[in-house]
Amino acid sequence: MQIAHRVMLRDLDRATGMAMAMADGGVPVTRRRARAFVRYLGLMAESIHHHHRAEDDVLWPVIEQRAGSHIDLTALTEDHEALDPKLDGLRNAVSQFGSDASRRTAGVLASRLVEVRTMLVEHIAEEERDTFPVIRCYLSVADWRDVENRIRKHGARMSFELPRIAAAVTPAELGRLKADAGPMIDVLLFFVRPGYRRMEKAIWG
């Protein structure tokens, strides 16, 4: 969960920086870069939406069942609901940029990315502050493994998620993830990393 949050903010930081650089003319808006950026941002928005839906549908009910009155998740759920229109605004800006890749549409895109990032920075800080101690206190290891397994089946696009996570973690963290997931993670990374790296190279060089 903590790694997922880190990956989201890392992506939003560098995507916002790229959109701003294209808007001010510091980076050329080429057809190849624009096409790859539209693809990346669509997958990123889908991933953010998936993450928060999985919390609402899978993790929050388990926390409420185990912790009871020791936590109130209302504010975090309301944040997720407020995030949806901002993600819709981001998707609309991505679509406009895809139809007319220019400095002007890159500027609109940058503004929408800033809105999503600003909200998520605050939300993630509150979520980790409020839920992490409760998770550690009231959920067993078995509870957490069950949550993770159910979230994996919730529709995540692993061809995007796996290499994206691998690029954001330390070698030690990646080693622990591999130890938890088993040898299949290496096989999957072998197949999906090249396409992900080509997409990144087209955007960030």
N, C-alpha and C. Protein backbone atom coordinates (compact mmCIF):
# COMPACT_ATOMS: atom_id res chain seq x y z
N MET A 1 0.84 -1.21 0.00
CA MET A 1 0.00 0.00 0.00
C MET A 1 0.87 1.25 0.00
N GLN A 2 1.91 1.23 0.82
CA GLN A 2 2.81 2.38 0.88
C GLN A 2 3.56 2.54 -0.44
N ILE A 3 3.97 1.43 -1.04
CA ILE A 3 4.65 1.49 -2.33
C ILE A 3 3.70 2.00 -3.40
N ALA A 4 2.45 1.54 -3.38
CA ALA A 4 1.47 2.01 -4.36
C ALA A 4 1.30 3.52 -4.28
N HIS A 5 1.27 4.05 -3.06
CA HIS A 5 1.16 5.49 -2.89
C HIS A 5 2.39 6.21 -3.45
N ARG A 6 3.55 5.66 -3.18
CA ARG A 6 4.79 6.26 -3.67
C ARG A 6 4.81 6.28 -5.20
N VAL A 7 4.38 5.18 -5.80
CA VAL A 7 4.37 5.08 -7.26
C VAL A 7 3.42 6.12 -7.86
N MET A 8 2.23 6.28 -7.26
CA MET A 8 1.27 7.26 -7.76
C MET A 8 1.86 8.67 -7.73
N LEU A 9 2.45 9.05 -6.61
CA LEU A 9 2.98 10.41 -6.49
C LEU A 9 4.19 10.62 -7.38
N ARG A 10 5.01 9.59 -7.53
CA ARG A 10 6.16 9.68 -8.45
C ARG A 10 5.67 9.93 -9.88
N ASP A 11 4.67 9.18 -10.29
CA ASP A 11 4.13 9.34 -11.63
C ASP A 11 3.52 10.72 -11.83
N LEU A 12 2.76 11.17 -10.85
CA LEU A 12 2.13 12.49 -10.96
C LEU A 12 3.18 13.60 -11.00
N ASP A 13 4.25 13.46 -10.22
CA ASP A 13 5.31 14.45 -10.22
C ASP A 13 5.95 14.56 -11.61
N ARG A 14 6.35 13.43 -12.16
CA ARG A 14 7.08 13.51 -13.42
C ARG A 14 6.15 13.78 -14.61
N ALA A 15 4.89 13.31 -14.53
CA ALA A 15 3.94 13.62 -15.59
C ALA A 15 3.61 15.11 -15.60
N THR A 16 3.44 15.69 -14.42
CA THR A 16 3.17 17.13 -14.33
C THR A 16 4.36 17.92 -14.87
N GLY A 17 5.56 17.50 -14.50
CA GLY A 17 6.76 18.18 -14.99
C GLY A 17 6.85 18.12 -16.51
N MET A 18 6.53 16.96 -17.10
CA MET A 18 6.60 16.84 -18.55
C MET A 18 5.54 17.70 -19.23
N ALA A 19 4.31 17.67 -18.70
CA ALA A 19 3.25 18.49 -19.30
C ALA A 19 3.61 19.97 -19.23
N MET A 20 4.17 20.42 -18.10
CA MET A 20 4.58 21.82 -17.97
C MET A 20 5.70 22.16 -18.95
N ALA A 21 6.65 21.23 -19.10
CA ALA A 21 7.77 21.47 -20.01
C ALA A 21 7.30 21.57 -21.46
N MET A 22 6.31 20.76 -21.84
CA MET A 22 5.76 20.85 -23.18
C MET A 22 4.97 22.14 -23.35
N ALA A 23 4.26 22.56 -22.30
CA ALA A 23 3.45 23.77 -22.38
C ALA A 23 4.31 25.03 -22.53
N ASP A 24 5.46 25.05 -21.87
CA ASP A 24 6.29 26.26 -21.96
C ASP A 24 7.34 26.19 -23.07
N GLY A 25 7.32 25.11 -23.84
CA GLY A 25 8.22 25.00 -24.98
C GLY A 25 9.58 24.43 -24.65
N GLY A 26 9.79 24.02 -23.41
CA GLY A 26 11.09 23.46 -23.03
C GLY A 26 11.33 22.07 -23.60
N VAL A 27 10.24 21.36 -23.89
CA VAL A 27 10.31 20.02 -24.49
C VAL A 27 9.42 20.02 -25.72
N PRO A 28 9.91 19.56 -26.87
CA PRO A 28 9.09 19.57 -28.08
C PRO A 28 7.91 18.60 -28.00
N VAL A 29 6.76 19.02 -28.53
CA VAL A 29 5.57 18.18 -28.55
C VAL A 29 5.59 17.39 -29.85
N THR A 30 6.34 16.30 -29.87
CA THR A 30 6.41 15.47 -31.07
C THR A 30 5.25 14.48 -31.09
N ARG A 31 4.94 13.96 -32.27
CA ARG A 31 3.85 13.00 -32.39
C ARG A 31 4.14 11.75 -31.57
N ARG A 32 5.38 11.27 -31.60
CA ARG A 32 5.73 10.05 -30.87
C ARG A 32 5.60 10.28 -29.36
N ARG A 33 6.11 11.41 -28.88
CA ARG A 33 6.01 11.70 -27.44
C ARG A 33 4.56 11.86 -27.02
N ALA A 34 3.78 12.58 -27.80
CA ALA A 34 2.38 12.81 -27.45
C ALA A 34 1.60 11.51 -27.40
N ARG A 35 1.82 10.63 -28.38
CA ARG A 35 1.10 9.37 -28.42
C ARG A 35 1.44 8.51 -27.19
N ALA A 36 2.73 8.44 -26.85
CA ALA A 36 3.15 7.65 -25.69
C ALA A 36 2.64 8.27 -24.39
N PHE A 37 2.64 9.60 -24.32
CA PHE A 37 2.19 10.29 -23.10
C PHE A 37 0.70 10.06 -22.88
N VAL A 38 -0.08 10.15 -23.94
CA VAL A 38 -1.52 9.88 -23.84
C VAL A 38 -1.75 8.46 -23.34
N ARG A 39 -1.02 7.52 -23.89
CA ARG A 39 -1.15 6.12 -23.45
C ARG A 39 -0.79 5.97 -21.97
N TYR A 40 0.33 6.58 -21.57
CA TYR A 40 0.79 6.46 -20.18
C TYR A 40 -0.21 7.09 -19.22
N LEU A 41 -0.68 8.28 -19.54
CA LEU A 41 -1.59 8.97 -18.63
C LEU A 41 -2.92 8.24 -18.51
N GLY A 42 -3.39 7.64 -19.59
CA GLY A 42 -4.61 6.85 -19.51
C GLY A 42 -4.46 5.67 -18.57
N LEU A 43 -3.33 4.98 -18.67
CA LEU A 43 -3.07 3.85 -17.78
C LEU A 43 -2.88 4.32 -16.34
N MET A 44 -2.23 5.45 -16.15
CA MET A 44 -2.02 5.99 -14.80
C MET A 44 -3.35 6.35 -14.15
N ALA A 45 -4.23 7.03 -14.88
CA ALA A 45 -5.53 7.39 -14.33
C ALA A 45 -6.34 6.14 -13.99
N GLU A 46 -6.28 5.15 -14.85
CA GLU A 46 -6.97 3.89 -14.59
C GLU A 46 -6.43 3.23 -13.32
N SER A 47 -5.11 3.28 -13.14
CA SER A 47 -4.47 2.67 -11.98
C SER A 47 -4.88 3.38 -10.68
N ILE A 48 -4.91 4.71 -10.71
CA ILE A 48 -5.31 5.47 -9.53
C ILE A 48 -6.76 5.14 -9.16
N HIS A 49 -7.61 5.11 -10.17
CA HIS A 49 -9.03 4.77 -9.92
C HIS A 49 -9.14 3.36 -9.35
N HIS A 50 -8.42 2.42 -9.91
CA HIS A 50 -8.46 1.03 -9.44
C HIS A 50 -8.01 0.94 -7.98
N HIS A 51 -6.95 1.67 -7.65
CA HIS A 51 -6.41 1.62 -6.28
C HIS A 51 -7.45 2.07 -5.27
N HIS A 52 -8.12 3.17 -5.55
CA HIS A 52 -9.08 3.69 -4.57
C HIS A 52 -10.38 2.89 -4.54
N ARG A 53 -10.78 2.35 -5.68
CA ARG A 53 -11.94 1.46 -5.67
C ARG A 53 -11.64 0.20 -4.86
N ALA A 54 -10.42 -0.32 -4.98
CA ALA A 54 -10.04 -1.51 -4.23
C ALA A 54 -10.03 -1.24 -2.73
N GLU A 55 -9.59 -0.05 -2.35
CA GLU A 55 -9.64 0.31 -0.93
C GLU A 55 -11.09 0.36 -0.44
N ASP A 56 -11.95 1.02 -1.20
CA ASP A 56 -13.36 1.12 -0.81
C ASP A 56 -14.03 -0.25 -0.74
N ASP A 57 -13.78 -1.08 -1.74
CA ASP A 57 -14.52 -2.34 -1.88
C ASP A 57 -13.92 -3.50 -1.09
N VAL A 58 -12.60 -3.47 -0.90
CA VAL A 58 -11.91 -4.62 -0.29
C VAL A 58 -11.33 -4.28 1.07
N LEU A 59 -10.47 -3.26 1.13
CA LEU A 59 -9.73 -3.00 2.36
C LEU A 59 -10.59 -2.36 3.45
N TRP A 60 -11.35 -1.33 3.10
CA TRP A 60 -12.14 -0.64 4.14
C TRP A 60 -13.08 -1.59 4.89
N PRO A 61 -13.83 -2.47 4.21
CA PRO A 61 -14.70 -3.39 4.96
C PRO A 61 -13.95 -4.28 5.95
N VAL A 62 -12.74 -4.70 5.58
CA VAL A 62 -11.95 -5.54 6.50
C VAL A 62 -11.51 -4.72 7.70
N ILE A 63 -11.04 -3.49 7.47
CA ILE A 63 -10.63 -2.63 8.58
C ILE A 63 -11.81 -2.38 9.52
N GLU A 64 -12.96 -2.06 8.94
CA GLU A 64 -14.14 -1.79 9.78
C GLU A 64 -14.56 -3.02 10.56
N GLN A 65 -14.45 -4.19 9.96
CA GLN A 65 -14.81 -5.42 10.65
C GLN A 65 -13.87 -5.71 11.81
N ARG A 66 -12.59 -5.47 11.60
CA ARG A 66 -11.60 -5.80 12.63
C ARG A 66 -11.47 -4.71 13.70
N ALA A 67 -11.51 -3.44 13.27
CA ALA A 67 -11.23 -2.34 14.21
C ALA A 67 -12.49 -1.72 14.80
N GLY A 68 -13.63 -1.92 14.14
CA GLY A 68 -14.88 -1.39 14.68
C GLY A 68 -14.85 0.11 14.89
N SER A 69 -15.18 0.53 16.10
CA SER A 69 -15.30 1.96 16.40
C SER A 69 -13.95 2.66 16.56
N HIS A 70 -12.86 1.91 16.43
CA HIS A 70 -11.54 2.52 16.61
C HIS A 70 -11.13 3.36 15.40
N ILE A 71 -11.90 3.32 14.32
CA ILE A 71 -11.58 4.14 13.16
C ILE A 71 -12.86 4.52 12.43
N ASP A 72 -12.86 5.73 11.88
CA ASP A 72 -13.97 6.21 11.05
C ASP A 72 -13.38 6.53 9.67
N LEU A 73 -13.81 5.77 8.66
CA LEU A 73 -13.26 5.90 7.32
C LEU A 73 -14.09 6.83 6.43
N THR A 74 -15.05 7.52 7.02
CA THR A 74 -15.95 8.35 6.23
C THR A 74 -15.20 9.41 5.42
N ALA A 75 -14.29 10.11 6.06
CA ALA A 75 -13.58 11.20 5.38
C ALA A 75 -12.75 10.67 4.22
N LEU A 76 -12.12 9.51 4.39
CA LEU A 76 -11.30 8.95 3.32
C LEU A 76 -12.17 8.49 2.16
N THR A 77 -13.33 7.91 2.48
CA THR A 77 -14.26 7.50 1.42
C THR A 77 -14.76 8.72 0.66
N GLU A 78 -15.05 9.80 1.37
CA GLU A 78 -15.50 11.02 0.71
C GLU A 78 -14.40 11.60 -0.19
N ASP A 79 -13.15 11.47 0.24
CA ASP A 79 -12.04 11.90 -0.61
C ASP A 79 -12.03 11.13 -1.92
N HIS A 80 -12.25 9.82 -1.83
CA HIS A 80 -12.27 9.00 -3.04
C HIS A 80 -13.39 9.45 -3.98
N GLU A 81 -14.54 9.78 -3.41
CA GLU A 81 -15.66 10.26 -4.23
C GLU A 81 -15.33 11.60 -4.87
N ALA A 82 -14.64 12.46 -4.15
CA ALA A 82 -14.26 13.77 -4.68
C ALA A 82 -13.16 13.65 -5.73
N LEU A 83 -12.38 12.57 -5.66
CA LEU A 83 -11.31 12.37 -6.63
C LEU A 83 -11.85 12.00 -8.01
N ASP A 84 -12.96 11.29 -8.07
CA ASP A 84 -13.49 10.81 -9.35
C ASP A 84 -13.70 11.94 -10.36
N PRO A 85 -14.35 13.07 -9.99
CA PRO A 85 -14.50 14.16 -10.97
C PRO A 85 -13.17 14.73 -11.44
N LYS A 86 -12.18 14.75 -10.54
CA LYS A 86 -10.86 15.26 -10.93
C LYS A 86 -10.18 14.31 -11.92
N LEU A 87 -10.36 13.01 -11.71
CA LEU A 87 -9.83 12.05 -12.68
C LEU A 87 -10.56 12.17 -14.01
N ASP A 88 -11.86 12.43 -13.96
CA ASP A 88 -12.61 12.64 -15.21
C ASP A 88 -12.07 13.87 -15.94
N GLY A 89 -11.78 14.93 -15.19
CA GLY A 89 -11.21 16.13 -15.79
C GLY A 89 -9.86 15.85 -16.41
N LEU A 90 -9.05 15.02 -15.73
CA LEU A 90 -7.75 14.64 -16.27
C LEU A 90 -7.92 13.84 -17.55
N ARG A 91 -8.85 12.89 -17.55
CA ARG A 91 -9.08 12.07 -18.75
C ARG A 91 -9.53 12.94 -19.92
N ASN A 92 -10.37 13.92 -19.65
CA ASN A 92 -10.82 14.82 -20.71
C ASN A 92 -9.64 15.62 -21.27
N ALA A 93 -8.76 16.08 -20.39
CA ALA A 93 -7.59 16.83 -20.84
C ALA A 93 -6.65 15.93 -21.65
N VAL A 94 -6.52 14.67 -21.23
CA VAL A 94 -5.69 13.73 -21.98
C VAL A 94 -6.28 13.51 -23.37
N SER A 95 -7.61 13.38 -23.44
CA SER A 95 -8.27 13.19 -24.73
C SER A 95 -8.07 14.39 -25.64
N GLN A 96 -8.18 15.60 -25.09
CA GLN A 96 -7.95 16.81 -25.88
C GLN A 96 -6.52 16.87 -26.40
N PHE A 97 -5.58 16.52 -25.54
CA PHE A 97 -4.17 16.52 -25.94
C PHE A 97 -3.93 15.47 -27.02
N GLY A 98 -4.61 14.32 -26.90
CA GLY A 98 -4.46 13.29 -27.92
C GLY A 98 -5.00 13.73 -29.26
N SER A 99 -6.06 14.55 -29.27
CA SER A 99 -6.66 15.03 -30.52
C SER A 99 -5.90 16.21 -31.10
N ASP A 100 -5.28 17.01 -30.22
CA ASP A 100 -4.58 18.22 -30.67
C ASP A 100 -3.39 18.45 -29.75
N ALA A 101 -2.32 17.72 -30.01
CA ALA A 101 -1.12 17.82 -29.16
C ALA A 101 -0.42 19.13 -29.45
N SER A 102 -0.54 20.07 -28.52
CA SER A 102 0.04 21.40 -28.70
C SER A 102 0.46 21.94 -27.34
N ARG A 103 1.14 23.08 -27.35
CA ARG A 103 1.53 23.70 -26.10
C ARG A 103 0.30 24.11 -25.30
N ARG A 104 -0.75 24.55 -26.01
CA ARG A 104 -1.98 24.97 -25.31
C ARG A 104 -2.63 23.80 -24.58
N THR A 105 -2.84 22.68 -25.28
CA THR A 105 -3.49 21.53 -24.64
C THR A 105 -2.58 20.90 -23.59
N ALA A 106 -1.26 21.02 -23.77
CA ALA A 106 -0.34 20.54 -22.74
C ALA A 106 -0.49 21.37 -21.46
N GLY A 107 -0.77 22.67 -21.62
CA GLY A 107 -0.98 23.53 -20.45
C GLY A 107 -2.24 23.14 -19.69
N VAL A 108 -3.31 22.84 -20.42
CA VAL A 108 -4.54 22.38 -19.77
C VAL A 108 -4.28 21.07 -19.05
N LEU A 109 -3.55 20.18 -19.71
CA LEU A 109 -3.21 18.89 -19.11
C LEU A 109 -2.41 19.07 -17.83
N ALA A 110 -1.44 19.97 -17.85
CA ALA A 110 -0.64 20.24 -16.66
C ALA A 110 -1.51 20.72 -15.50
N SER A 111 -2.48 21.57 -15.80
CA SER A 111 -3.37 22.08 -14.74
C SER A 111 -4.18 20.95 -14.11
N ARG A 112 -4.70 20.05 -14.94
CA ARG A 112 -5.48 18.94 -14.40
C ARG A 112 -4.60 18.00 -13.59
N LEU A 113 -3.37 17.79 -14.03
CA LEU A 113 -2.45 16.94 -13.27
C LEU A 113 -2.12 17.56 -11.91
N VAL A 114 -1.94 18.86 -11.88
CA VAL A 114 -1.66 19.55 -10.61
C VAL A 114 -2.84 19.37 -9.65
N GLU A 115 -4.06 19.47 -10.16
CA GLU A 115 -5.25 19.29 -9.31
C GLU A 115 -5.28 17.90 -8.68
N VAL A 116 -5.05 16.88 -9.51
CA VAL A 116 -5.09 15.51 -8.99
C VAL A 116 -3.96 15.30 -8.00
N ARG A 117 -2.76 15.79 -8.33
CA ARG A 117 -1.62 15.59 -7.45
C ARG A 117 -1.82 16.29 -6.10
N THR A 118 -2.30 17.52 -6.14
CA THR A 118 -2.52 18.27 -4.90
C THR A 118 -3.48 17.53 -3.98
N MET A 119 -4.55 17.02 -4.55
CA MET A 119 -5.52 16.28 -3.74
C MET A 119 -4.93 15.00 -3.18
N LEU A 120 -4.19 14.27 -4.01
CA LEU A 120 -3.67 12.98 -3.57
C LEU A 120 -2.55 13.13 -2.53
N VAL A 121 -1.75 14.15 -2.64
CA VAL A 121 -0.71 14.37 -1.62
C VAL A 121 -1.33 14.48 -0.24
N GLU A 122 -2.36 15.29 -0.13
CA GLU A 122 -3.03 15.47 1.16
C GLU A 122 -3.77 14.21 1.58
N HIS A 123 -4.47 13.59 0.63
CA HIS A 123 -5.25 12.39 0.95
C HIS A 123 -4.36 11.25 1.41
N ILE A 124 -3.27 11.03 0.69
CA ILE A 124 -2.37 9.92 1.04
C ILE A 124 -1.76 10.14 2.42
N ALA A 125 -1.37 11.37 2.72
CA ALA A 125 -0.80 11.66 4.05
C ALA A 125 -1.81 11.34 5.14
N GLU A 126 -3.06 11.75 4.94
CA GLU A 126 -4.10 11.47 5.94
C GLU A 126 -4.41 9.98 6.02
N GLU A 127 -4.45 9.33 4.87
CA GLU A 127 -4.76 7.90 4.85
C GLU A 127 -3.70 7.09 5.59
N GLU A 128 -2.44 7.38 5.32
CA GLU A 128 -1.37 6.64 6.00
C GLU A 128 -1.34 6.96 7.49
N ARG A 129 -1.59 8.21 7.84
CA ARG A 129 -1.62 8.60 9.25
C ARG A 129 -2.74 7.89 10.01
N ASP A 130 -3.91 7.79 9.38
CA ASP A 130 -5.08 7.27 10.09
C ASP A 130 -5.23 5.76 10.00
N THR A 131 -4.84 5.17 8.87
CA THR A 131 -5.12 3.74 8.69
C THR A 131 -3.94 2.83 9.03
N PHE A 132 -2.72 3.29 8.81
CA PHE A 132 -1.59 2.38 9.02
C PHE A 132 -1.49 1.86 10.46
N PRO A 133 -1.61 2.74 11.47
CA PRO A 133 -1.55 2.20 12.84
C PRO A 133 -2.69 1.21 13.13
N VAL A 134 -3.87 1.48 12.58
CA VAL A 134 -5.01 0.58 12.81
C VAL A 134 -4.79 -0.75 12.11
N ILE A 135 -4.29 -0.71 10.88
CA ILE A 135 -4.00 -1.95 10.15
C ILE A 135 -3.00 -2.79 10.93
N ARG A 136 -1.93 -2.16 11.41
CA ARG A 136 -0.89 -2.91 12.14
C ARG A 136 -1.42 -3.48 13.45
N CYS A 137 -2.37 -2.77 14.05
CA CYS A 137 -2.87 -3.20 15.35
C CYS A 137 -3.95 -4.27 15.24
N TYR A 138 -4.84 -4.14 14.25
CA TYR A 138 -6.05 -4.97 14.24
C TYR A 138 -6.10 -6.04 13.14
N LEU A 139 -5.31 -5.88 12.08
CA LEU A 139 -5.34 -6.88 11.01
C LEU A 139 -4.19 -7.86 11.19
N SER A 140 -4.49 -9.13 11.04
CA SER A 140 -3.46 -10.15 11.11
C SER A 140 -2.71 -10.22 9.77
N VAL A 141 -1.61 -10.95 9.77
CA VAL A 141 -0.88 -11.18 8.52
C VAL A 141 -1.79 -11.88 7.51
N ALA A 142 -2.57 -12.84 8.00
CA ALA A 142 -3.50 -13.56 7.12
C ALA A 142 -4.55 -12.61 6.55
N ASP A 143 -5.05 -11.68 7.38
CA ASP A 143 -6.01 -10.68 6.89
C ASP A 143 -5.40 -9.88 5.74
N TRP A 144 -4.17 -9.43 5.97
CA TRP A 144 -3.53 -8.57 4.97
C TRP A 144 -3.25 -9.33 3.68
N ARG A 145 -2.79 -10.57 3.80
CA ARG A 145 -2.54 -11.37 2.59
C ARG A 145 -3.84 -11.60 1.81
N ASP A 146 -4.92 -11.81 2.53
CA ASP A 146 -6.21 -11.99 1.87
C ASP A 146 -6.62 -10.71 1.14
N VAL A 147 -6.42 -9.56 1.79
CA VAL A 147 -6.73 -8.27 1.15
C VAL A 147 -5.91 -8.11 -0.13
N GLU A 148 -4.61 -8.37 -0.04
CA GLU A 148 -3.74 -8.21 -1.21
C GLU A 148 -4.17 -9.14 -2.35
N ASN A 149 -4.48 -10.38 -2.01
CA ASN A 149 -4.89 -11.34 -3.04
C ASN A 149 -6.19 -10.91 -3.72
N ARG A 150 -7.13 -10.41 -2.93
CA ARG A 150 -8.40 -9.97 -3.50
C ARG A 150 -8.23 -8.71 -4.36
N ILE A 151 -7.33 -7.82 -3.94
CA ILE A 151 -7.09 -6.62 -4.72
C ILE A 151 -6.43 -6.96 -6.05
N ARG A 152 -5.52 -7.95 -6.04
CA ARG A 152 -4.89 -8.36 -7.30
C ARG A 152 -5.91 -8.86 -8.31
N LYS A 153 -6.99 -9.45 -7.80
CA LYS A 153 -8.04 -9.97 -8.68
C LYS A 153 -9.07 -8.91 -9.05
N HIS A 154 -8.83 -7.69 -8.59
CA HIS A 154 -9.81 -6.62 -8.74
C HIS A 154 -9.70 -5.92 -10.09
N GLY A 155 -8.79 -6.38 -10.94
CA GLY A 155 -8.72 -5.81 -12.28
C GLY A 155 -7.51 -4.95 -12.58
N ALA A 156 -6.44 -5.05 -11.79
CA ALA A 156 -5.24 -4.26 -12.06
C ALA A 156 -4.59 -4.73 -13.37
N ARG A 157 -4.06 -3.79 -14.13
CA ARG A 157 -3.38 -4.11 -15.39
C ARG A 157 -1.90 -4.35 -15.07
N MET A 158 -1.54 -5.61 -14.86
CA MET A 158 -0.21 -5.93 -14.36
C MET A 158 0.89 -5.61 -15.37
N SER A 159 0.57 -5.57 -16.65
CA SER A 159 1.59 -5.23 -17.64
C SER A 159 2.08 -3.79 -17.46
N PHE A 160 1.26 -2.96 -16.80
CA PHE A 160 1.64 -1.59 -16.47
C PHE A 160 2.11 -1.49 -15.03
N GLU A 161 1.39 -2.14 -14.11
CA GLU A 161 1.68 -2.00 -12.69
C GLU A 161 3.04 -2.58 -12.32
N LEU A 162 3.36 -3.76 -12.80
CA LEU A 162 4.59 -4.42 -12.36
C LEU A 162 5.85 -3.63 -12.72
N PRO A 163 6.08 -3.28 -13.98
CA PRO A 163 7.30 -2.53 -14.28
C PRO A 163 7.30 -1.14 -13.66
N ARG A 164 6.14 -0.57 -13.50
CA ARG A 164 6.01 0.75 -12.86
C ARG A 164 6.44 0.68 -11.39
N ILE A 165 6.02 -0.37 -10.71
CA ILE A 165 6.42 -0.56 -9.31
C ILE A 165 7.92 -0.86 -9.23
N ALA A 166 8.40 -1.74 -10.11
CA ALA A 166 9.81 -2.13 -10.09
C ALA A 166 10.72 -0.92 -10.30
N ALA A 167 10.24 0.07 -11.06
CA ALA A 167 11.05 1.26 -11.33
C ALA A 167 11.08 2.21 -10.14
N ALA A 168 10.16 2.04 -9.18
CA ALA A 168 10.03 3.01 -8.09
C ALA A 168 10.53 2.49 -6.74
N VAL A 169 10.88 1.21 -6.65
CA VAL A 169 11.28 0.63 -5.38
C VAL A 169 12.80 0.46 -5.31
N THR A 170 13.29 0.29 -4.10
CA THR A 170 14.71 0.00 -3.92
C THR A 170 14.96 -1.47 -4.24
N PRO A 171 16.21 -1.86 -4.50
CA PRO A 171 16.51 -3.28 -4.73
C PRO A 171 16.05 -4.18 -3.58
N ALA A 172 16.20 -3.69 -2.34
CA ALA A 172 15.77 -4.49 -1.19
C ALA A 172 14.26 -4.68 -1.19
N GLU A 173 13.53 -3.61 -1.50
CA GLU A 173 12.07 -3.70 -1.56
C GLU A 173 11.63 -4.64 -2.67
N LEU A 174 12.29 -4.54 -3.82
CA LEU A 174 11.94 -5.43 -4.93
C LEU A 174 12.21 -6.88 -4.56
N GLY A 175 13.30 -7.10 -3.83
CA GLY A 175 13.61 -8.46 -3.37
C GLY A 175 12.53 -9.01 -2.46
N ARG A 176 12.00 -8.16 -1.56
CA ARG A 176 10.94 -8.62 -0.67
C ARG A 176 9.64 -8.88 -1.43
N LEU A 177 9.36 -8.03 -2.43
CA LEU A 177 8.17 -8.25 -3.25
C LEU A 177 8.27 -9.56 -4.01
N LYS A 178 9.45 -9.84 -4.54
CA LYS A 178 9.65 -11.10 -5.26
C LYS A 178 9.54 -12.30 -4.32
N ALA A 179 10.06 -12.15 -3.10
CA ALA A 179 9.96 -13.24 -2.13
C ALA A 179 8.51 -13.54 -1.78
N ASP A 180 7.69 -12.49 -1.70
CA ASP A 180 6.27 -12.68 -1.40
C ASP A 180 5.51 -13.27 -2.58
N ALA A 181 5.81 -12.77 -3.78
CA ALA A 181 5.03 -13.15 -4.96
C ALA A 181 5.50 -14.44 -5.61
N GLY A 182 6.76 -14.84 -5.34
CA GLY A 182 7.27 -16.05 -5.95
C GLY A 182 7.95 -15.78 -7.29
N PRO A 183 8.47 -16.82 -7.93
CA PRO A 183 9.27 -16.66 -9.16
C PRO A 183 8.50 -16.11 -10.35
N MET A 184 7.16 -16.18 -10.32
CA MET A 184 6.37 -15.72 -11.46
C MET A 184 6.57 -14.23 -11.73
N ILE A 185 6.92 -13.47 -10.69
CA ILE A 185 7.09 -12.03 -10.89
C ILE A 185 8.26 -11.75 -11.83
N ASP A 186 9.33 -12.56 -11.73
CA ASP A 186 10.47 -12.38 -12.64
C ASP A 186 10.08 -12.70 -14.08
N VAL A 187 9.28 -13.73 -14.25
CA VAL A 187 8.84 -14.11 -15.59
C VAL A 187 7.99 -12.99 -16.20
N LEU A 188 7.05 -12.47 -15.40
CA LEU A 188 6.18 -11.41 -15.89
C LEU A 188 6.98 -10.15 -16.22
N LEU A 189 7.92 -9.79 -15.34
CA LEU A 189 8.74 -8.61 -15.59
C LEU A 189 9.57 -8.76 -16.86
N PHE A 190 10.05 -9.96 -17.12
CA PHE A 190 10.84 -10.22 -18.33
C PHE A 190 10.04 -9.87 -19.58
N PHE A 191 8.76 -10.19 -19.56
CA PHE A 191 7.93 -9.98 -20.74
C PHE A 191 7.37 -8.56 -20.86
N VAL A 192 7.07 -7.92 -19.72
CA VAL A 192 6.38 -6.63 -19.79
C VAL A 192 7.32 -5.43 -19.69
N ARG A 193 8.52 -5.62 -19.14
CA ARG A 193 9.43 -4.48 -18.95
C ARG A 193 9.83 -3.80 -20.27
N PRO A 194 10.18 -4.57 -21.32
CA PRO A 194 10.65 -3.89 -22.55
C PRO A 194 9.62 -2.91 -23.12
N GLY A 195 8.35 -3.30 -23.18
CA GLY A 195 7.33 -2.40 -23.72
C GLY A 195 7.15 -1.17 -22.84
N TYR A 196 7.20 -1.38 -21.52
CA TYR A 196 7.06 -0.26 -20.60
C TYR A 196 8.23 0.71 -20.76
N ARG A 197 9.43 0.17 -20.89
CA ARG A 197 10.61 1.04 -21.02
C ARG A 197 10.59 1.79 -22.35
N ARG A 198 10.08 1.19 -23.40
CA ARG A 198 9.96 1.90 -24.68
C ARG A 198 9.00 3.08 -24.54
N MET A 199 7.89 2.85 -23.83
CA MET A 199 6.92 3.92 -23.61
C MET A 199 7.55 5.06 -22.79
N GLU A 200 8.26 4.70 -21.73
CA GLU A 200 8.94 5.72 -20.92
C GLU A 200 9.97 6.50 -21.73
N LYS A 201 10.75 5.77 -22.54
CA LYS A 201 11.79 6.44 -23.34
C LYS A 201 11.18 7.41 -24.34
N ALA A 202 10.03 7.04 -24.93
CA ALA A 202 9.38 7.93 -25.87
C ALA A 202 8.92 9.22 -25.21
N ILE A 203 8.59 9.14 -23.92
CA ILE A 203 8.10 10.32 -23.20
C ILE A 203 9.25 11.12 -22.59
N TRP A 204 10.07 10.44 -21.80
CA TRP A 204 11.08 11.15 -21.02
C TRP A 204 12.48 11.08 -21.63
N GLY A 205 12.65 10.28 -22.63
CA GLY A 205 13.93 10.18 -23.31
C GLY A 205 14.93 9.28 -22.63
